[in-house]
Amino acid sequence: MPTYDYRCLECETEFEKFQGITEDPIEECPECNGKVKRLIGAGAGLIFKGSGFYITDYRSDGYKESEKKDTNTSSDKSEKKDKKEKKTDNSSESKKDSSDSK
């Protein structure tokens, strides 16, 4: 739940209130019971202290599983491509050998 800043329009007292997002804003000053205005806050910044924080550190399990599948699929495709190229190379070599023997 966020913390909202308020300022009283009569006594100019500023205070914070810990409220849910869906709650209605406070309308009365706790000091003088005057009207208050909710201030626009910059929000809290997210600060990571220390080293070793990477975007991949907090990936979901579903993401990690799909990444493994993608990696396996791409490695399978590259293996098939390599095998296909080797067959093509071997067949061209055998043609050369047969032409040399003639």
C-alpha atoms as a PDB file:
ATOM      1  CA  MET A   1       0.000   0.000   0.000  1.00  0.00           C
ATOM      2  CA  PRO A   2       1.320   3.438  -0.886  1.00  0.00           C
ATOM      3  CA  THR A   3       1.904   6.397   1.388  1.00  0.00           C
ATOM      4  CA  TYR A   4       0.171   9.618   0.329  1.00  0.00           C
ATOM      5  CA  ASP A   5       1.218  13.152   1.271  1.00  0.00           C
ATOM      6  CA  TYR A   6      -1.419  15.700   2.312  1.00  0.00           C
ATOM      7  CA  ARG A   7      -1.366  19.423   3.110  1.00  0.00           C
ATOM      8  CA  CYS A   8      -3.979  21.275   5.106  1.00  0.00           C
ATOM      9  CA  LEU A   9      -5.327  24.321   3.257  1.00  0.00           C
ATOM     10  CA  GLU A  10      -5.998  26.188   6.540  1.00  0.00           C
ATOM     11  CA  CYS A  11      -3.086  25.490   8.906  1.00  0.00           C
ATOM     12  CA  GLU A  12      -0.660  24.335   6.164  1.00  0.00           C
ATOM     13  CA  THR A  13       0.287  21.231   8.136  1.00  0.00           C
ATOM     14  CA  GLU A  14       1.792  18.519   5.962  1.00  0.00           C
ATOM     15  CA  PHE A  15       1.362  14.854   6.863  1.00  0.00           C
ATOM     16  CA  GLU A  16       1.523  11.393   5.348  1.00  0.00           C
ATOM     17  CA  LYS A  17      -1.151   8.730   5.341  1.00  0.00           C
ATOM     18  CA  PHE A  18      -0.643   5.040   4.575  1.00  0.00           C
ATOM     19  CA  GLN A  19      -3.673   4.085   2.439  1.00  0.00           C
ATOM     20  CA  GLY A  20      -4.797   1.556  -0.106  1.00  0.00           C
ATOM     21  CA  ILE A  21      -4.962   2.669  -3.726  1.00  0.00           C
ATOM     22  CA  THR A  22      -8.725   2.223  -3.887  1.00  0.00           C
ATOM     23  CA  GLU A  23      -9.414   4.188  -0.675  1.00  0.00           C
ATOM     24  CA  ASP A  24     -10.901   7.659  -0.968  1.00  0.00           C
ATOM     25  CA  PRO A  25      -8.552  10.570  -0.197  1.00  0.00           C
ATOM     26  CA  ILE A  26      -8.687  12.124   3.275  1.00  0.00           C
ATOM     27  CA  GLU A  27     -10.740  15.323   3.360  1.00  0.00           C
ATOM     28  CA  GLU A  28     -10.111  16.538   6.927  1.00  0.00           C
ATOM     29  CA  CYS A  29      -6.913  17.706   8.663  1.00  0.00           C
ATOM     30  CA  PRO A  30      -6.110  15.709  11.824  1.00  0.00           C
ATOM     31  CA  GLU A  31      -4.826  18.937  13.522  1.00  0.00           C
ATOM     32  CA  CYS A  32      -7.485  21.542  12.821  1.00  0.00           C
ATOM     33  CA  ASN A  33     -10.229  19.603  10.978  1.00  0.00           C
ATOM     34  CA  GLY A  34      -9.787  21.906   7.950  1.00  0.00           C
ATOM     35  CA  LYS A  35      -9.839  20.858   4.314  1.00  0.00           C
ATOM     36  CA  VAL A  36      -6.805  19.005   3.007  1.00  0.00           C
ATOM     37  CA  LYS A  37      -5.362  18.489  -0.443  1.00  0.00           C
ATOM     38  CA  ARG A  38      -3.535  15.356  -1.536  1.00  0.00           C
ATOM     39  CA  LEU A  39      -0.125  16.263  -2.954  1.00  0.00           C
ATOM     40  CA  ILE A  40       1.434  14.735  -6.009  1.00  0.00           C
ATOM     41  CA  GLY A  41       4.417  12.723  -4.883  1.00  0.00           C
ATOM     42  CA  ALA A  42       7.409  11.555  -6.840  1.00  0.00           C
ATOM     43  CA  GLY A  43       6.948   8.071  -5.479  1.00  0.00           C
ATOM     44  CA  ALA A  44       9.557   5.866  -3.965  1.00  0.00           C
ATOM     45  CA  GLY A  45      12.602   5.046  -6.019  1.00  0.00           C
ATOM     46  CA  LEU A  46      13.804   1.497  -6.314  1.00  0.00           C
ATOM     47  CA  ILE A  47      17.413   1.227  -5.214  1.00  0.00           C
ATOM     48  CA  PHE A  48      19.529  -1.881  -5.666  1.00  0.00           C
ATOM     49  CA  LYS A  49      22.579  -1.810  -3.441  1.00  0.00           C
ATOM     50  CA  GLY A  50      25.505  -4.062  -4.083  1.00  0.00           C
ATOM     51  CA  SER A  51      26.693  -5.882  -7.133  1.00  0.00           C
ATOM     52  CA  GLY A  52      25.252  -8.776  -9.048  1.00  0.00           C
ATOM     53  CA  PHE A  53      21.736  -7.595  -9.866  1.00  0.00           C
ATOM     54  CA  TYR A  54      20.783  -8.701 -13.338  1.00  0.00           C
ATOM     55  CA  ILE A  55      17.441  -8.762 -15.124  1.00  0.00           C
ATOM     56  CA  THR A  56      17.727 -12.528 -15.490  1.00  0.00           C
ATOM     57  CA  ASP A  57      18.053 -13.076 -11.731  1.00  0.00           C
ATOM     58  CA  TYR A  58      14.333 -12.831 -11.119  1.00  0.00           C
ATOM     59  CA  ARG A  59      12.840 -14.589 -14.151  1.00  0.00           C
ATOM     60  CA  SER A  60       9.769 -16.754 -13.610  1.00  0.00           C
ATOM     61  CA  ASP A  61       9.982 -20.538 -13.781  1.00  0.00           C
ATOM     62  CA  GLY A  62       7.782 -20.554 -16.894  1.00  0.00           C
ATOM     63  CA  TYR A  63      10.188 -18.224 -18.673  1.00  0.00           C
ATOM     64  CA  LYS A  64      13.170 -20.372 -17.728  1.00  0.00           C
ATOM     65  CA  GLU A  65      11.442 -23.533 -19.020  1.00  0.00           C
ATOM     66  CA  SER A  66      10.509 -21.948 -22.345  1.00  0.00           C
ATOM     67  CA  GLU A  67      14.059 -20.635 -22.714  1.00  0.00           C
ATOM     68  CA  LYS A  68      15.409 -24.171 -22.231  1.00  0.00           C
ATOM     69  CA  LYS A  69      12.994 -25.476 -24.888  1.00  0.00           C
ATOM     70  CA  ASP A  70      14.084 -22.741 -27.296  1.00  0.00           C
ATOM     71  CA  THR A  71      17.737 -23.529 -26.654  1.00  0.00           C
ATOM     72  CA  ASN A  72      17.190 -27.253 -27.220  1.00  0.00           C
ATOM     73  CA  THR A  73      15.192 -26.624 -30.379  1.00  0.00           C
ATOM     74  CA  SER A  74      17.814 -24.302 -31.852  1.00  0.00           C
ATOM     75  CA  SER A  75      20.647 -26.698 -31.002  1.00  0.00           C
ATOM     76  CA  ASP A  76      18.707 -29.573 -32.631  1.00  0.00           C
ATOM     77  CA  LYS A  77      18.266 -27.503 -35.787  1.00  0.00           C
ATOM     78  CA  SER A  78      21.971 -26.637 -35.913  1.00  0.00           C
ATOM     79  CA  GLU A  79      22.901 -30.327 -35.446  1.00  0.00           C
ATOM     80  CA  LYS A  80      20.583 -31.331 -38.312  1.00  0.00           C
ATOM     81  CA  LYS A  81      22.077 -28.596 -40.494  1.00  0.00           C
ATOM     82  CA  ASP A  82      25.618 -29.789 -39.687  1.00  0.00           C
ATOM     83  CA  LYS A  83      24.680 -33.396 -40.554  1.00  0.00           C
ATOM     84  CA  LYS A  84      23.113 -32.265 -43.815  1.00  0.00           C
ATOM     85  CA  GLU A  85      26.240 -30.289 -44.751  1.00  0.00           C
ATOM     86  CA  LYS A  86      28.476 -33.286 -43.939  1.00  0.00           C
ATOM     87  CA  LYS A  87      26.362 -35.538 -46.182  1.00  0.00           C
ATOM     88  CA  THR A  88      26.643 -33.011 -49.010  1.00  0.00           C
ATOM     89  CA  ASP A  89      30.419 -32.763 -48.510  1.00  0.00           C
ATOM     90  CA  ASN A  90      30.823 -36.573 -48.457  1.00  0.00           C
ATOM     91  CA  SER A  91      28.759 -37.058 -51.611  1.00  0.00           C
ATOM     92  CA  SER A  92      30.793 -34.458 -53.514  1.00  0.00           C
ATOM     93  CA  GLU A  93      34.024 -36.124 -52.341  1.00  0.00           C
ATOM     94  CA  SER A  94      32.821 -39.530 -53.500  1.00  0.00           C
ATOM     95  CA  LYS A  95      31.955 -38.070 -56.908  1.00  0.00           C
ATOM     96  CA  LYS A  96      35.489 -36.637 -57.142  1.00  0.00           C
ATOM     97  CA  ASP A  97      36.982 -40.013 -56.190  1.00  0.00           C
ATOM     98  CA  SER A  98      34.937 -41.840 -58.818  1.00  0.00           C
ATOM     99  CA  SER A  99      35.891 -39.336 -61.516  1.00  0.00           C
ATOM    100  CA  ASP A 100      39.590 -39.661 -60.579  1.00  0.00           C
ATOM    101  CA  SER A 101      39.531 -43.444 -60.922  1.00  0.00           C
ATOM    102  CA  LYS A 102      38.185 -43.277 -64.499  1.00  0.00           C
END
